[in-house]
């Protein structure tokens, strides 16, 4: 357990539809152990003593959020979701700025459908990055042999996996630096799929902090089934 914890804000972009799940609702509202994925994803932050608050970016016409018990939690604010993840995160940062958050504050961006974040991983990220000049992200070294495919779906090369990591969340950066990086990417029409990519594009090198491999993002139905079986085993 770490001795001192940096104050931080959490940002959860939750405006996506999760088309690959082929479900009747956005995947963040699918059920796991009696609650939604989004509620579980929020839990680790809401239960942490260093938390300043959480901003959840939601679609304007989201009919599911108001029904959640956590929707009335005073520690959670709602921002407008955008067309892409970067838009949603940027809207959350703008809200924090408008309410007086400092450029030097830490912001941890976490996937709405990544419900299995361990408290130990969150503590490790905060501890290892507290004094870092750039920030970084939870990640896991690649374990399997990696192949590069050609346009015909055939192997064109085997990739050296020793330098390859899978990017997870949370991703932790200073509010001001992340705001500038995301805004510059959007203005320049640069597509980024996570916050670390924006920081990289701005010329900085985020630090990789090794986390647990079970901190998975629910993307396909089998991911949710795996978590359901795992959580049933815990109980």
Protein backbone atom coordinates (compact mmCIF):
# COMPACT_ATOMS: atom_id res chain seq x y z
CA UNK A 1 0.00 0.00 0.00
CA UNK A 2 1.38 3.43 -0.88
CA UNK A 3 1.99 6.00 1.84
CA UNK A 4 0.78 9.14 0.08
CA UNK A 5 -1.72 9.43 -2.73
CA UNK A 6 -1.86 12.22 -5.31
CA UNK A 7 -5.20 13.95 -5.69
CA UNK A 8 -6.81 13.08 -9.00
CA UNK A 9 -9.85 13.33 -11.23
CA UNK A 10 -11.28 10.34 -13.07
CA UNK A 11 -12.83 10.67 -16.53
CA UNK A 12 -15.02 7.92 -18.00
CA UNK A 13 -15.97 8.33 -21.69
CA UNK A 14 -19.28 6.45 -21.91
CA UNK A 15 -21.01 7.70 -25.05
CA UNK A 16 -20.16 4.76 -27.30
CA UNK A 17 -22.66 2.22 -28.62
CA UNK A 18 -20.46 -0.91 -28.59
CA UNK A 19 -21.64 -2.23 -31.95
CA UNK A 20 -19.47 -5.37 -31.81
CA UNK A 21 -21.45 -6.62 -28.81
CA UNK A 22 -24.62 -6.78 -30.95
CA UNK A 23 -26.67 -6.10 -27.80
CA UNK A 24 -29.95 -4.26 -27.24
CA UNK A 25 -28.15 -1.41 -25.45
CA UNK A 26 -24.67 0.17 -25.28
CA UNK A 27 -22.23 -2.30 -23.77
CA UNK A 28 -21.49 -0.12 -20.72
CA UNK A 29 -25.06 -0.81 -19.58
CA UNK A 30 -24.88 -4.59 -19.89
CA UNK A 31 -25.21 -6.52 -16.63
CA UNK A 32 -22.42 -8.15 -14.66
CA UNK A 33 -23.14 -9.58 -11.21
CA UNK A 34 -26.34 -7.58 -10.82
CA UNK A 35 -24.98 -4.19 -11.87
CA UNK A 36 -23.93 -2.51 -15.10
CA UNK A 37 -20.39 -2.55 -16.44
CA UNK A 38 -20.29 1.22 -16.04
CA UNK A 39 -21.16 1.01 -12.34
CA UNK A 40 -18.38 -1.52 -11.76
CA UNK A 41 -15.93 0.66 -13.72
CA UNK A 42 -16.79 3.61 -11.49
CA UNK A 43 -16.48 1.64 -8.24
CA UNK A 44 -12.70 1.51 -8.02
CA UNK A 45 -12.45 5.29 -8.29
CA UNK A 46 -15.38 6.15 -6.01
CA UNK A 47 -13.91 3.91 -3.33
CA UNK A 48 -10.49 5.60 -3.43
CA UNK A 49 -9.52 8.22 -0.82
CA UNK A 50 -7.48 10.34 -3.25
CA UNK A 51 -10.40 10.99 -5.59
CA UNK A 52 -11.36 14.61 -6.29
CA UNK A 53 -14.32 13.62 -8.45
CA UNK A 54 -15.44 11.80 -11.58
CA UNK A 55 -16.69 13.13 -14.91
CA UNK A 56 -18.72 10.73 -17.05
CA UNK A 57 -19.20 11.73 -20.70
CA UNK A 58 -22.58 10.53 -21.92
CA UNK A 59 -24.66 10.73 -25.07
CA UNK A 60 -27.20 13.54 -24.90
CA UNK A 61 -30.16 11.17 -25.31
CA UNK A 62 -28.80 8.44 -23.02
CA UNK A 63 -31.90 6.83 -21.41
CA UNK A 64 -30.02 4.40 -19.16
CA UNK A 65 -27.83 6.64 -16.99
CA UNK A 66 -30.65 8.34 -15.01
CA UNK A 67 -31.85 4.94 -13.79
CA UNK A 68 -28.52 4.08 -12.15
CA UNK A 69 -28.16 4.66 -8.42
CA UNK A 70 -24.79 6.34 -8.94
CA UNK A 71 -26.34 8.98 -11.24
CA UNK A 72 -27.24 11.01 -8.14
CA UNK A 73 -23.79 10.66 -6.51
CA UNK A 74 -22.49 14.17 -5.79
CA UNK A 75 -18.95 13.10 -6.68
CA UNK A 76 -19.98 12.38 -10.29
CA UNK A 77 -20.52 15.07 -12.92
CA UNK A 78 -21.93 14.58 -16.39
CA UNK A 79 -20.30 15.96 -19.55
CA UNK A 80 -21.52 15.80 -23.13
CA UNK A 81 -20.33 12.79 -25.08
CA UNK A 82 -18.79 13.37 -28.50
CA UNK A 83 -18.67 11.59 -31.81
CA UNK A 84 -15.32 9.98 -30.97
CA UNK A 85 -13.62 9.02 -27.72
CA UNK A 86 -11.26 12.00 -27.97
CA UNK A 87 -14.23 14.38 -28.21
CA UNK A 88 -15.82 12.89 -25.11
CA UNK A 89 -12.62 13.10 -23.08
CA UNK A 90 -11.95 16.66 -24.24
CA UNK A 91 -15.47 17.71 -23.19
CA UNK A 92 -14.83 16.26 -19.73
CA UNK A 93 -11.55 18.17 -19.45
CA UNK A 94 -13.25 21.40 -20.51
CA UNK A 95 -15.82 20.87 -17.75
CA UNK A 96 -13.08 20.37 -15.19
CA UNK A 97 -11.31 23.52 -16.36
CA UNK A 98 -14.54 25.50 -16.16
CA UNK A 99 -14.99 24.40 -12.57
CA UNK A 100 -11.54 25.50 -11.49
CA UNK A 101 -9.42 22.36 -11.84
CA UNK A 102 -5.73 23.11 -12.31
CA UNK A 103 -3.61 22.28 -15.37
CA UNK A 104 -1.28 20.43 -13.01
CA UNK A 105 -4.04 18.15 -11.67
CA UNK A 106 -3.81 14.49 -12.60
CA UNK A 107 -6.58 13.04 -14.77
CA UNK A 108 -7.09 9.30 -15.08
CA UNK A 109 -9.13 8.26 -18.12
CA UNK A 110 -10.72 4.82 -17.83
CA UNK A 111 -12.86 2.76 -20.21
CA UNK A 112 -16.53 2.51 -19.28
CA UNK A 113 -16.53 -1.19 -20.23
CA UNK A 114 -13.40 -2.15 -18.30
CA UNK A 115 -15.03 -3.24 -15.00
CA UNK A 116 -12.32 -5.44 -13.50
CA UNK A 117 -9.76 -2.80 -12.49
CA UNK A 118 -8.00 -3.94 -9.32
CA UNK A 119 -7.45 -1.45 -6.51
CA UNK A 120 -3.82 -2.62 -6.37
CA UNK A 121 -3.33 -1.60 -10.01
CA UNK A 122 -4.85 1.83 -9.39
CA UNK A 123 -2.60 2.35 -6.37
CA UNK A 124 0.43 1.22 -8.37
CA UNK A 125 -0.34 3.65 -11.20
CA UNK A 126 -0.78 6.57 -8.80
CA UNK A 127 2.38 5.72 -6.88
CA UNK A 128 4.67 5.18 -9.86
CA UNK A 129 3.48 8.19 -11.85
CA UNK A 130 3.03 10.72 -9.03
CA UNK A 131 6.36 12.38 -9.79
CA UNK A 132 6.62 11.53 -13.48
CA UNK A 133 7.05 14.50 -15.85
CA UNK A 134 4.77 12.98 -18.51
CA UNK A 135 2.42 10.39 -17.01
CA UNK A 136 1.57 6.99 -18.38
CA UNK A 137 -0.79 4.07 -18.51
CA UNK A 138 -1.47 0.59 -17.28
CA UNK A 139 -0.31 -1.95 -19.83
CA UNK A 140 0.53 -5.64 -20.20
CA UNK A 141 3.49 -7.10 -22.13
CA UNK A 142 2.43 -9.14 -25.17
CA UNK A 143 2.47 -12.85 -24.40
CA UNK A 144 1.52 -14.52 -27.67
CA UNK A 145 3.44 -14.69 -30.92
CA UNK A 146 2.36 -11.73 -33.06
CA UNK A 147 1.80 -11.82 -36.83
CA UNK A 148 1.50 -8.95 -39.30
CA UNK A 149 -1.13 -9.61 -41.98
CA UNK A 150 -1.15 -8.55 -45.61
CA UNK A 151 -4.20 -7.30 -47.52
CA UNK A 152 -5.18 -10.91 -48.35
CA UNK A 153 -5.29 -12.03 -44.75
CA UNK A 154 -2.00 -13.94 -44.97
CA UNK A 155 1.01 -13.59 -42.70
CA UNK A 156 3.54 -11.11 -44.03
CA UNK A 157 5.84 -11.12 -41.00
CA UNK A 158 6.28 -12.27 -37.42
CA UNK A 159 6.59 -9.30 -35.08
CA UNK A 160 9.16 -9.18 -32.27
CA UNK A 161 6.92 -9.23 -29.21
CA UNK A 162 9.66 -8.31 -26.73
CA UNK A 163 8.94 -4.60 -27.20
CA UNK A 164 5.15 -4.86 -27.65
CA UNK A 165 2.69 -3.99 -24.89
CA UNK A 166 -1.11 -4.01 -24.82
CA UNK A 167 -2.43 -0.61 -23.74
CA UNK A 168 -4.99 -0.74 -20.92
CA UNK A 169 -6.63 1.93 -18.80
CA UNK A 170 -6.56 4.00 -16.65
CA UNK A 171 -4.25 6.34 -18.54
CA UNK A 172 -2.91 9.10 -16.30
CA UNK A 173 -1.76 12.53 -17.48
CA UNK A 174 -1.75 16.14 -16.31
CA UNK A 175 -5.00 17.90 -17.15
CA UNK A 176 -3.37 20.75 -19.07
CA UNK A 177 -1.03 18.56 -21.10
CA UNK A 178 -3.78 16.12 -22.05
CA UNK A 179 -6.16 18.95 -22.94
CA UNK A 180 -3.59 20.53 -25.28
CA UNK A 181 -2.61 17.23 -26.87
CA UNK A 182 -6.19 16.15 -27.60
CA UNK A 183 -7.17 19.60 -28.90
CA UNK A 184 -4.16 19.69 -31.23
CA UNK A 185 -4.94 16.21 -32.56
CA UNK A 186 -8.54 17.20 -33.32
CA UNK A 187 -7.50 20.45 -35.03
CA UNK A 188 -4.90 18.57 -37.09
CA UNK A 189 -7.32 15.75 -38.01
CA UNK A 190 -5.12 13.18 -36.27
CA UNK A 191 -7.10 10.10 -35.22
CA UNK A 192 -6.19 8.81 -31.75
CA UNK A 193 -7.76 5.80 -30.07
CA UNK A 194 -6.47 6.47 -26.58
CA UNK A 195 -5.04 9.34 -24.55
CA UNK A 196 -1.47 8.04 -24.67
CA UNK A 197 -1.57 8.31 -28.47
CA UNK A 198 -2.37 12.02 -28.20
CA UNK A 199 0.48 12.55 -25.72
CA UNK A 200 2.81 10.62 -28.04
CA UNK A 201 1.76 12.77 -31.00
CA UNK A 202 2.65 15.86 -28.98
CA UNK A 203 6.23 14.56 -28.76
CA UNK A 204 6.24 12.99 -25.31
CA UNK A 205 6.80 9.39 -24.21
CA UNK A 206 4.25 8.03 -21.69
CA UNK A 207 5.50 5.53 -19.15
CA UNK A 208 4.25 1.95 -19.21
CA UNK A 209 3.17 0.60 -15.82
CA UNK A 210 2.61 -3.16 -15.82
CA UNK A 211 -0.82 -4.13 -14.56
CA UNK A 212 -2.94 -7.24 -14.24
CA UNK A 213 -3.92 -9.03 -17.43
CA UNK A 214 -7.50 -9.57 -16.19
CA UNK A 215 -8.24 -5.82 -16.43
CA UNK A 216 -9.92 -6.55 -19.75
CA UNK A 217 -12.17 -4.33 -21.83
CA UNK A 218 -15.50 -5.88 -22.76
CA UNK A 219 -15.59 -5.67 -26.56
CA UNK A 220 -17.21 -8.93 -27.65
CA UNK A 221 -19.82 -11.22 -26.06
CA UNK A 222 -17.19 -13.76 -25.03
CA UNK A 223 -15.40 -11.10 -22.95
CA UNK A 224 -18.50 -10.53 -20.87
CA UNK A 225 -19.10 -14.27 -20.49
CA UNK A 226 -15.51 -14.74 -19.30
CA UNK A 227 -15.99 -12.06 -16.65
CA UNK A 228 -19.32 -13.52 -15.55
CA UNK A 229 -17.74 -16.92 -15.01
CA UNK A 230 -14.76 -15.41 -13.22
CA UNK A 231 -16.92 -13.31 -10.90
CA UNK A 232 -19.21 -16.26 -10.19
CA UNK A 233 -16.12 -18.19 -9.11
CA UNK A 234 -15.18 -15.41 -6.68
CA UNK A 235 -18.57 -15.56 -5.00
